Protein backbone atom coordinates (compact mmCIF):
# COMPACT_ATOMS: atom_id res chain seq x y z
CA MET A 1 -0.06 0.04 0.01
CA ARG A 2 1.31 3.41 -0.83
CA TRP A 3 0.66 4.97 2.48
CA ARG A 4 2.79 2.11 4.07
CA ASP A 5 5.65 2.56 1.51
CA GLU A 6 5.66 6.40 2.09
CA ASP A 7 5.24 6.23 5.82
CA TYR A 8 2.92 9.13 5.50
CA LEU A 9 3.05 11.34 8.87
CA GLY A 10 5.48 8.89 10.35
CA PHE A 11 2.69 6.25 10.98
CA GLY A 12 4.72 3.19 10.33
CA ARG A 13 7.50 4.40 12.57
CA ARG A 14 5.10 5.30 15.40
CA LEU A 15 3.28 1.94 14.93
CA ALA A 16 6.65 0.10 15.23
CA GLN A 17 7.43 2.15 18.50
CA ARG A 18 3.93 1.38 19.95
CA HIS A 19 4.48 -2.29 19.12
CA GLU A 20 7.87 -2.42 20.82
CA GLU A 21 6.31 -0.73 23.87
CA TYR A 22 3.60 -3.38 23.86
CA VAL A 23 5.91 -6.28 23.64
CA ASP A 24 8.11 -4.67 26.36
CA SER A 25 4.89 -4.61 28.59
CA ILE A 26 4.35 -8.15 27.96
CA GLU A 27 7.98 -9.05 29.01
CA SER A 28 7.20 -7.07 32.23
CA VAL A 29 4.19 -9.14 32.92
CA HIS A 30 6.14 -12.34 32.41
CA THR A 31 8.91 -11.22 34.82
CA TYR A 32 6.34 -10.37 37.40
CA VAL A 33 4.62 -13.70 36.95
CA ILE A 34 7.75 -15.73 37.22
CA ARG A 35 8.74 -13.87 40.40
CA LYS A 36 5.12 -14.50 41.78
CA ILE A 37 5.45 -18.22 40.85
CA GLY A 38 8.67 -18.44 42.74
CA GLU A 39 6.75 -16.99 45.89
CA MET A 40 3.94 -19.56 45.73
CA GLU A 41 3.60 -22.53 48.09
CA GLU A 42 2.89 -24.74 45.17
CA PRO A 43 4.65 -23.34 42.06
CA HIS A 44 4.14 -26.44 40.18
CA LYS A 45 0.48 -25.62 39.74
CA ALA A 46 1.23 -22.29 37.95
CA ASN A 47 1.40 -22.35 34.11
CA PRO A 48 2.61 -19.22 32.41
CA VAL A 49 2.69 -20.88 28.93
CA TRP A 50 0.17 -18.31 27.53
CA ILE A 51 2.73 -15.56 28.13
CA LEU A 52 5.70 -17.58 26.28
CA GLY A 53 3.27 -18.20 23.43
CA LYS A 54 2.42 -14.52 23.17
CA LEU A 55 6.20 -13.56 23.41
CA ASN A 56 6.80 -16.22 20.70
CA ALA A 57 4.14 -14.58 18.46
CA GLU A 58 5.27 -11.05 19.07
CA ARG A 59 9.06 -11.41 19.26
CA PRO A 60 10.03 -14.71 17.54
CA GLU A 61 13.57 -13.68 16.95
CA LYS A 62 14.15 -13.72 20.81
CA TYR A 63 11.80 -16.31 22.11
CA LYS A 64 11.25 -18.99 19.31
CA GLY A 65 13.62 -21.84 19.57
CA THR A 66 15.06 -23.68 16.61
CA THR A 67 14.64 -27.40 16.03
CA PRO A 68 17.57 -29.22 15.01
CA GLN A 69 17.39 -30.96 11.76
CA ILE A 70 18.26 -34.66 11.74
CA ASN A 71 19.12 -36.32 8.50
CA ILE A 72 17.74 -39.96 9.38
CA ASP A 73 14.90 -41.57 7.89
CA ALA A 74 12.77 -44.43 9.13
CA ARG A 75 14.04 -46.84 6.64
CA SER A 76 17.69 -46.52 7.86
CA ILE A 77 16.88 -46.74 11.26
CA SER A 78 14.95 -49.83 10.71
CA ALA A 79 17.69 -51.51 8.63
CA GLU A 80 20.27 -50.60 11.25
CA LEU A 81 18.17 -52.18 14.21
CA ALA A 82 17.39 -55.46 12.11
CA GLN A 83 21.25 -55.74 11.53
CA ILE A 84 21.88 -55.18 15.28
CA GLY A 85 19.27 -57.67 16.18
CA ARG A 86 20.55 -60.30 13.73
CA ALA A 87 23.96 -59.87 15.19
CA MET A 88 22.54 -60.48 18.57
CA LEU A 89 21.12 -63.88 17.92
CA PRO A 90 22.89 -66.95 19.38
CA GLY A 91 25.60 -68.30 17.33
CA GLN A 92 25.80 -65.37 15.08
CA ALA A 93 29.17 -63.39 14.99
CA PRO A 94 28.55 -59.77 15.81
CA ALA A 95 28.49 -57.53 12.69
CA GLN A 96 29.36 -53.83 12.30
CA ALA A 97 26.18 -51.91 12.16
CA PRO A 98 25.88 -49.61 9.29
CA THR A 99 26.00 -45.80 9.85
CA THR A 100 23.52 -43.26 9.01
CA GLU A 101 24.22 -40.05 7.12
CA GLY A 102 26.87 -37.91 8.94
CA GLY A 103 28.59 -41.06 10.16
CA ALA A 104 27.06 -41.63 13.45
CA GLY A 105 24.92 -44.76 13.66
CA LEU A 106 22.46 -46.03 16.38
CA SER A 107 25.09 -48.44 17.59
CA ALA A 108 27.75 -45.84 18.15
CA GLY A 109 28.65 -46.18 21.76
CA ALA A 110 26.95 -49.45 22.05
CA GLU A 111 28.60 -52.55 23.46
CA GLU A 112 29.10 -55.61 21.47
CA VAL A 113 27.32 -58.62 22.63
């Protein structure tokens, strides 16, 4: 929209400032709630997850975690477990389990039987 692109009368700048103030107030509420939870007799009953959800939505660059990406698929895990199982059968010589992408297999660190 043209009015956003031109920031007519500084509306966009003022809106961004007000949003920052709003999110800062949510952070203040979060700090207060956490402090009060620490003073409770049964803090395990308190649940401030709603505040964290709001902070994740409003300031994701600060509050949203990252999920590690693992390059393993179910088929490779299944094949590796089957090979480990066969190696554990009586009368079978232990075999070296295949490794997944990246060189670390499920059997890394496992003891031979």
